[in-house]
Amino acid sequence: MTYISNKEYLIEVSKGNVSGASIVQKFGSNEGVSTSWEVVSSNGLYEMPTTAQSLEFVSSSAADALNGVGAHELTIIGLNASWEEQTVVMATHATDGTTAVAITGTWTRVYRAYVSSSGTYATATSGSHVGTIDIQGSGGGTVYAQIGLISTFPAGQTAISAYTIPSGKTGYFLGKTISPEANKPTSVNLFIRENADDVTTSYGAMRIIELVYGLEAPFVHSSVAPLAKLPAKTDLGFLAKVATGTGKISVDFELLLIDN
């Protein structure tokens, strides 16, 4: 099949009409960016362990349980011990969302999770979960991802402006939109780290491939040619900081994934 423009090609990929190709759309937000660099995600982190970890999830509200009005099921997406993408669907605790539930498998990365069923038919005033849901290391360890509240409303999904190219894939960075809080000069960088599975010294290096200083208005970047070619097992993500105090920021980006 021949396409006369990149736009038409990407539409066909999105439709599932191009074998071995897919589109990844990621978005992240951070409502408390400080004067130090941190990841554009709800908890300011994107965990990158050197070995696959056992994880669990837990809510700050008891209502995020199978007998409650909150979350009844989570879908968690990331990479397994072989750096292949895995998707796991987990029921919440039967009676108490504040009791941790072990997540099937082990994980080298978690880059997306969302509430996939709920005890509430959600509206603009009632969300699909009640509390902040943390995906964390077993036994109450480091928080890998968070399904939180965006301006007090339940988001229903993580907001992580970072990703890792799965094994067997090559990624092409297509474009991004950066939206800082008004009157809060914000600096943003896009980092990558190839060979993320290289866990003995000397390690694969982390480096900036784009940097924007003092942004005070939305910034959109797209081009005919991809910004970067990203081999399998490459970490990428956005870091941000403000000049003074704290600020809010969101970053959306899009990748084309091609099977190797």
Protein backbone atom coordinates (compact mmCIF):
# COMPACT_ATOMS: atom_id res chain seq x y z
CA MET A 1 0.00 0.00 0.00
CA THR A 2 1.34 3.46 -0.89
CA TYR A 3 0.63 6.59 1.14
CA ILE A 4 0.96 10.06 -0.32
CA SER A 5 1.71 11.75 3.01
CA ASN A 6 2.95 10.94 6.49
CA LYS A 7 -0.43 11.98 7.88
CA GLU A 8 -2.27 9.41 5.81
CA TYR A 9 0.26 6.73 6.76
CA LEU A 10 -0.16 7.45 10.48
CA ILE A 11 -3.94 7.36 10.15
CA GLU A 12 -3.66 3.91 8.57
CA VAL A 13 -1.37 2.78 11.38
CA SER A 14 -3.90 4.03 13.94
CA LYS A 15 -6.61 2.05 12.15
CA GLY A 16 -4.51 -1.11 12.44
CA ASN A 17 -4.07 -1.35 8.68
CA VAL A 18 -0.25 -1.42 8.70
CA SER A 19 1.24 -4.72 9.83
CA GLY A 20 3.99 -4.41 12.44
CA ALA A 21 3.28 -0.76 13.22
CA SER A 22 1.40 0.98 16.03
CA ILE A 23 0.97 4.41 17.58
CA VAL A 24 1.71 5.15 21.24
CA GLN A 25 0.11 8.26 22.71
CA LYS A 26 1.35 9.29 26.16
CA PHE A 27 0.45 12.17 28.39
CA GLY A 28 1.64 13.28 31.78
CA SER A 29 0.99 16.00 34.28
CA ASN A 30 2.59 17.28 37.45
CA GLU A 31 0.71 19.73 39.66
CA GLY A 32 3.66 20.49 41.94
CA VAL A 33 6.79 21.01 39.84
CA SER A 34 9.51 22.60 41.98
CA THR A 35 12.79 24.38 41.25
CA SER A 36 14.57 21.02 40.85
CA TRP A 37 14.23 18.72 37.85
CA GLU A 38 11.50 16.10 38.22
CA VAL A 39 9.55 13.83 35.91
CA VAL A 40 6.30 15.14 34.45
CA SER A 41 4.10 12.59 36.21
CA SER A 42 1.58 12.70 39.02
CA ASN A 43 4.17 11.73 41.64
CA GLY A 44 7.21 13.30 39.94
CA LEU A 45 8.83 9.92 39.26
CA TYR A 46 9.31 7.26 36.59
CA GLU A 47 10.88 4.27 38.29
CA MET A 48 13.62 2.49 36.32
CA PRO A 49 14.81 -0.50 38.37
CA THR A 50 17.77 -2.58 37.20
CA THR A 51 15.94 -5.86 37.87
CA ALA A 52 12.30 -6.91 37.50
CA GLN A 53 10.28 -6.18 40.64
CA SER A 54 7.19 -7.60 42.33
CA LEU A 55 4.52 -4.93 42.72
CA GLU A 56 1.21 -4.30 44.47
CA PHE A 57 -1.47 -1.64 44.42
CA VAL A 58 -3.33 0.09 47.23
CA SER A 59 -5.79 2.98 47.53
CA SER A 60 -6.08 5.75 50.09
CA SER A 61 -9.82 4.97 50.23
CA ALA A 62 -11.56 1.81 51.45
CA ALA A 63 -14.27 2.49 48.83
CA ASP A 64 -11.93 1.40 46.00
CA ALA A 65 -12.95 -2.23 46.54
CA LEU A 66 -15.26 -4.75 44.89
CA ASN A 67 -18.05 -3.99 47.37
CA GLY A 68 -17.53 -0.21 47.13
CA VAL A 69 -18.46 2.72 44.91
CA GLY A 70 -14.89 3.22 43.66
CA ALA A 71 -12.49 1.21 41.50
CA HIS A 72 -13.34 -2.46 40.95
CA GLU A 73 -10.59 -3.32 38.47
CA LEU A 74 -7.23 -1.95 37.31
CA THR A 75 -5.37 -2.52 34.04
CA ILE A 76 -1.60 -2.18 34.37
CA ILE A 77 0.74 -1.91 31.35
CA GLY A 78 4.52 -2.01 31.30
CA LEU A 79 7.48 -4.29 30.65
CA ASN A 80 8.31 -7.72 32.04
CA ALA A 81 11.70 -9.17 32.97
CA SER A 82 12.49 -9.69 29.26
CA TRP A 83 11.57 -6.05 28.46
CA GLU A 84 8.51 -7.19 26.53
CA GLU A 85 5.23 -5.33 26.96
CA GLN A 86 2.77 -6.97 29.33
CA THR A 87 -0.77 -6.04 30.29
CA VAL A 88 -2.30 -7.33 33.51
CA VAL A 89 -5.91 -6.89 34.66
CA MET A 90 -6.41 -7.05 38.43
CA ALA A 91 -9.53 -6.95 40.60
CA THR A 92 -9.40 -4.63 43.59
CA HIS A 93 -9.64 -5.96 47.15
CA ALA A 94 -12.95 -7.59 47.99
CA THR A 95 -13.87 -5.28 50.87
CA ASP A 96 -11.14 -2.72 51.61
CA GLY A 97 -9.25 -0.64 49.05
CA THR A 98 -6.65 0.31 51.65
CA THR A 99 -5.47 -3.32 51.74
CA ALA A 100 -2.69 -3.91 49.20
CA VAL A 101 -3.28 -6.37 46.33
CA ALA A 102 -0.33 -8.19 44.73
CA ILE A 103 0.04 -7.63 40.97
CA THR A 104 0.69 -10.65 38.76
CA GLY A 105 4.18 -11.01 37.26
CA THR A 106 7.33 -8.98 37.71
CA TRP A 107 8.05 -5.58 36.21
CA THR A 108 11.01 -3.60 34.89
CA ARG A 109 8.80 -0.64 33.94
CA VAL A 110 5.22 0.56 34.49
CA TYR A 111 4.20 3.32 32.10
CA ARG A 112 0.41 3.18 32.12
CA ALA A 113 -2.38 2.04 34.44
CA TYR A 114 -6.06 2.84 34.56
CA VAL A 115 -9.33 1.98 36.27
CA SER A 116 -11.10 -0.44 33.92
CA SER A 117 -14.29 -1.01 35.92
CA SER A 118 -15.96 0.81 38.77
CA GLY A 119 -18.78 0.72 41.27
CA THR A 120 -19.98 4.12 40.02
CA TYR A 121 -21.44 5.09 36.65
CA ALA A 122 -19.09 8.05 36.33
CA THR A 123 -20.22 11.61 35.55
CA ALA A 124 -18.68 15.06 35.63
CA THR A 125 -19.27 15.10 39.38
CA SER A 126 -18.57 11.46 40.34
CA GLY A 127 -15.41 9.71 39.15
CA SER A 128 -14.59 6.04 38.74
CA HIS A 129 -12.45 5.82 41.86
CA VAL A 130 -12.46 7.56 45.23
CA GLY A 131 -8.91 7.63 46.57
CA THR A 132 -5.40 7.93 45.19
CA ILE A 133 -4.29 4.51 43.97
CA ASP A 134 -0.58 3.75 44.20
CA ILE A 135 1.21 1.02 42.27
CA GLN A 136 4.21 0.32 44.44
CA GLY A 137 6.89 -2.16 45.35
CA SER A 138 5.69 -5.17 47.32
CA GLY A 139 5.44 -4.53 51.04
CA GLY A 140 4.84 -0.81 50.67
CA GLY A 141 7.89 0.04 48.57
CA THR A 142 8.59 2.86 46.11
CA VAL A 143 5.59 4.17 44.17
CA TYR A 144 5.97 3.28 40.47
CA ALA A 145 2.77 4.87 39.22
CA GLN A 146 -0.19 6.70 40.65
CA ILE A 147 -3.83 6.99 39.63
CA GLY A 148 -4.60 10.22 41.37
CA LEU A 149 -6.83 13.25 41.47
CA ILE A 150 -6.42 16.04 38.91
CA SER A 151 -7.61 19.25 40.58
CA THR A 152 -9.53 17.08 43.08
CA PHE A 153 -11.36 15.03 40.38
CA PRO A 154 -10.50 11.31 40.05
CA ALA A 155 -8.35 10.96 36.92
CA GLY A 156 -9.04 7.26 36.36
CA GLN A 157 -5.59 6.80 34.80
CA THR A 158 -1.95 7.48 35.43
CA ALA A 159 -0.41 10.60 33.92
CA ILE A 160 3.19 9.65 33.11
CA SER A 161 5.07 11.58 30.45
CA ALA A 162 7.66 8.83 30.05
CA TYR A 163 7.94 5.51 28.23
CA THR A 164 10.34 2.67 27.46
CA ILE A 165 10.56 1.09 24.01
CA PRO A 166 9.70 -2.62 24.36
CA SER A 167 12.00 -5.41 23.24
CA GLY A 168 11.62 -6.19 19.53
CA LYS A 169 10.44 -2.66 18.63
CA THR A 170 11.94 0.57 17.31
CA GLY A 171 10.31 3.86 18.23
CA TYR A 172 10.14 7.10 16.26
CA PHE A 173 9.34 10.27 18.20
CA LEU A 174 6.67 12.14 16.24
CA GLY A 175 5.78 15.22 18.26
CA LYS A 176 4.79 16.76 21.57
CA THR A 177 2.72 19.43 23.27
CA ILE A 178 4.02 21.13 26.43
CA SER A 179 1.56 23.18 28.51
CA PRO A 180 2.99 25.03 31.53
CA GLU A 181 1.02 27.01 34.09
CA ALA A 182 0.53 30.65 33.08
CA ASN A 183 3.06 33.10 34.52
CA LYS A 184 5.24 30.25 35.78
CA PRO A 185 8.40 30.19 33.64
CA THR A 186 9.11 26.48 33.19
CA SER A 187 12.13 24.71 31.73
CA VAL A 188 11.56 21.30 30.16
CA ASN A 189 13.93 18.69 28.79
CA LEU A 190 13.40 15.47 26.88
CA PHE A 191 15.83 12.77 27.96
CA ILE A 192 16.65 9.35 26.56
CA ARG A 193 18.73 6.45 27.83
CA GLU A 194 19.52 3.66 25.35
CA ASN A 195 20.44 0.14 26.49
CA ALA A 196 18.33 0.42 29.63
CA ASP A 197 18.92 -3.31 30.21
CA ASP A 198 22.67 -2.68 30.58
CA VAL A 199 22.80 -2.85 34.38
CA THR A 200 26.54 -3.32 34.93
CA THR A 201 29.12 -0.56 34.66
CA SER A 202 29.69 1.10 32.28
CA TYR A 203 25.98 1.79 31.94
CA GLY A 204 24.04 3.18 29.02
CA ALA A 205 24.12 6.96 29.47
CA MET A 206 21.15 9.26 30.02
CA ARG A 207 21.21 12.35 27.82
CA ILE A 208 19.06 15.31 26.86
CA ILE A 209 17.96 15.47 23.23
CA GLU A 210 15.86 18.63 23.53
CA LEU A 211 15.69 21.50 26.04
CA VAL A 212 13.28 24.44 26.30
CA TYR A 213 13.98 27.24 28.81
CA GLY A 214 11.50 29.53 30.56
CA LEU A 215 8.36 28.40 28.76
CA GLU A 216 5.26 30.42 29.73
CA ALA A 217 2.78 29.37 27.04
CA PRO A 218 1.83 26.09 25.31
CA PHE A 219 4.49 24.79 22.93
CA VAL A 220 3.69 22.34 20.12
CA HIS A 221 6.30 20.54 18.06
CA SER A 222 5.70 18.22 15.13
CA SER A 223 7.65 17.66 11.95
CA VAL A 224 7.66 15.65 8.75
CA ALA A 225 10.70 13.70 9.94
CA PRO A 226 10.67 12.10 13.43
CA LEU A 227 12.60 13.97 16.10
CA ALA A 228 14.45 10.80 17.15
CA LYS A 229 14.88 7.11 16.33
CA LEU A 230 14.70 5.08 19.53
CA PRO A 231 16.01 1.49 19.66
CA ALA A 232 14.41 -1.22 21.78
CA LYS A 233 14.97 -0.83 25.54
CA THR A 234 15.34 2.96 25.35
CA ASP A 235 13.92 5.00 28.24
CA LEU A 236 12.53 8.40 27.35
CA GLY A 237 10.67 11.05 29.26
CA PHE A 238 10.23 14.68 30.16
CA LEU A 239 11.75 16.49 33.14
CA ALA A 240 10.61 19.94 34.23
CA LYS A 241 11.38 22.65 36.77
CA VAL A 242 10.08 26.16 37.48
CA ALA A 243 12.08 29.30 38.16
CA THR A 244 10.53 29.97 41.58
CA GLY A 245 7.98 28.35 43.86
CA THR A 246 5.93 25.55 42.33
CA GLY A 247 3.90 25.19 39.14
CA LYS A 248 1.71 22.91 37.08
CA ILE A 249 2.62 21.36 33.73
CA SER A 250 1.34 18.77 31.29
CA VAL A 251 3.17 17.11 28.41
CA ASP A 252 1.64 14.97 25.66
CA PHE A 253 3.72 13.07 23.10
CA GLU A 254 3.32 10.54 20.33
CA LEU A 255 5.50 7.69 19.07
CA LEU A 256 5.40 5.40 16.08
CA LEU A 257 6.42 1.83 16.99
CA ILE A 258 7.73 -0.53 14.30
CA ASP A 259 8.40 -4.23 14.80
CA ASN A 260 12.06 -5.11 14.27
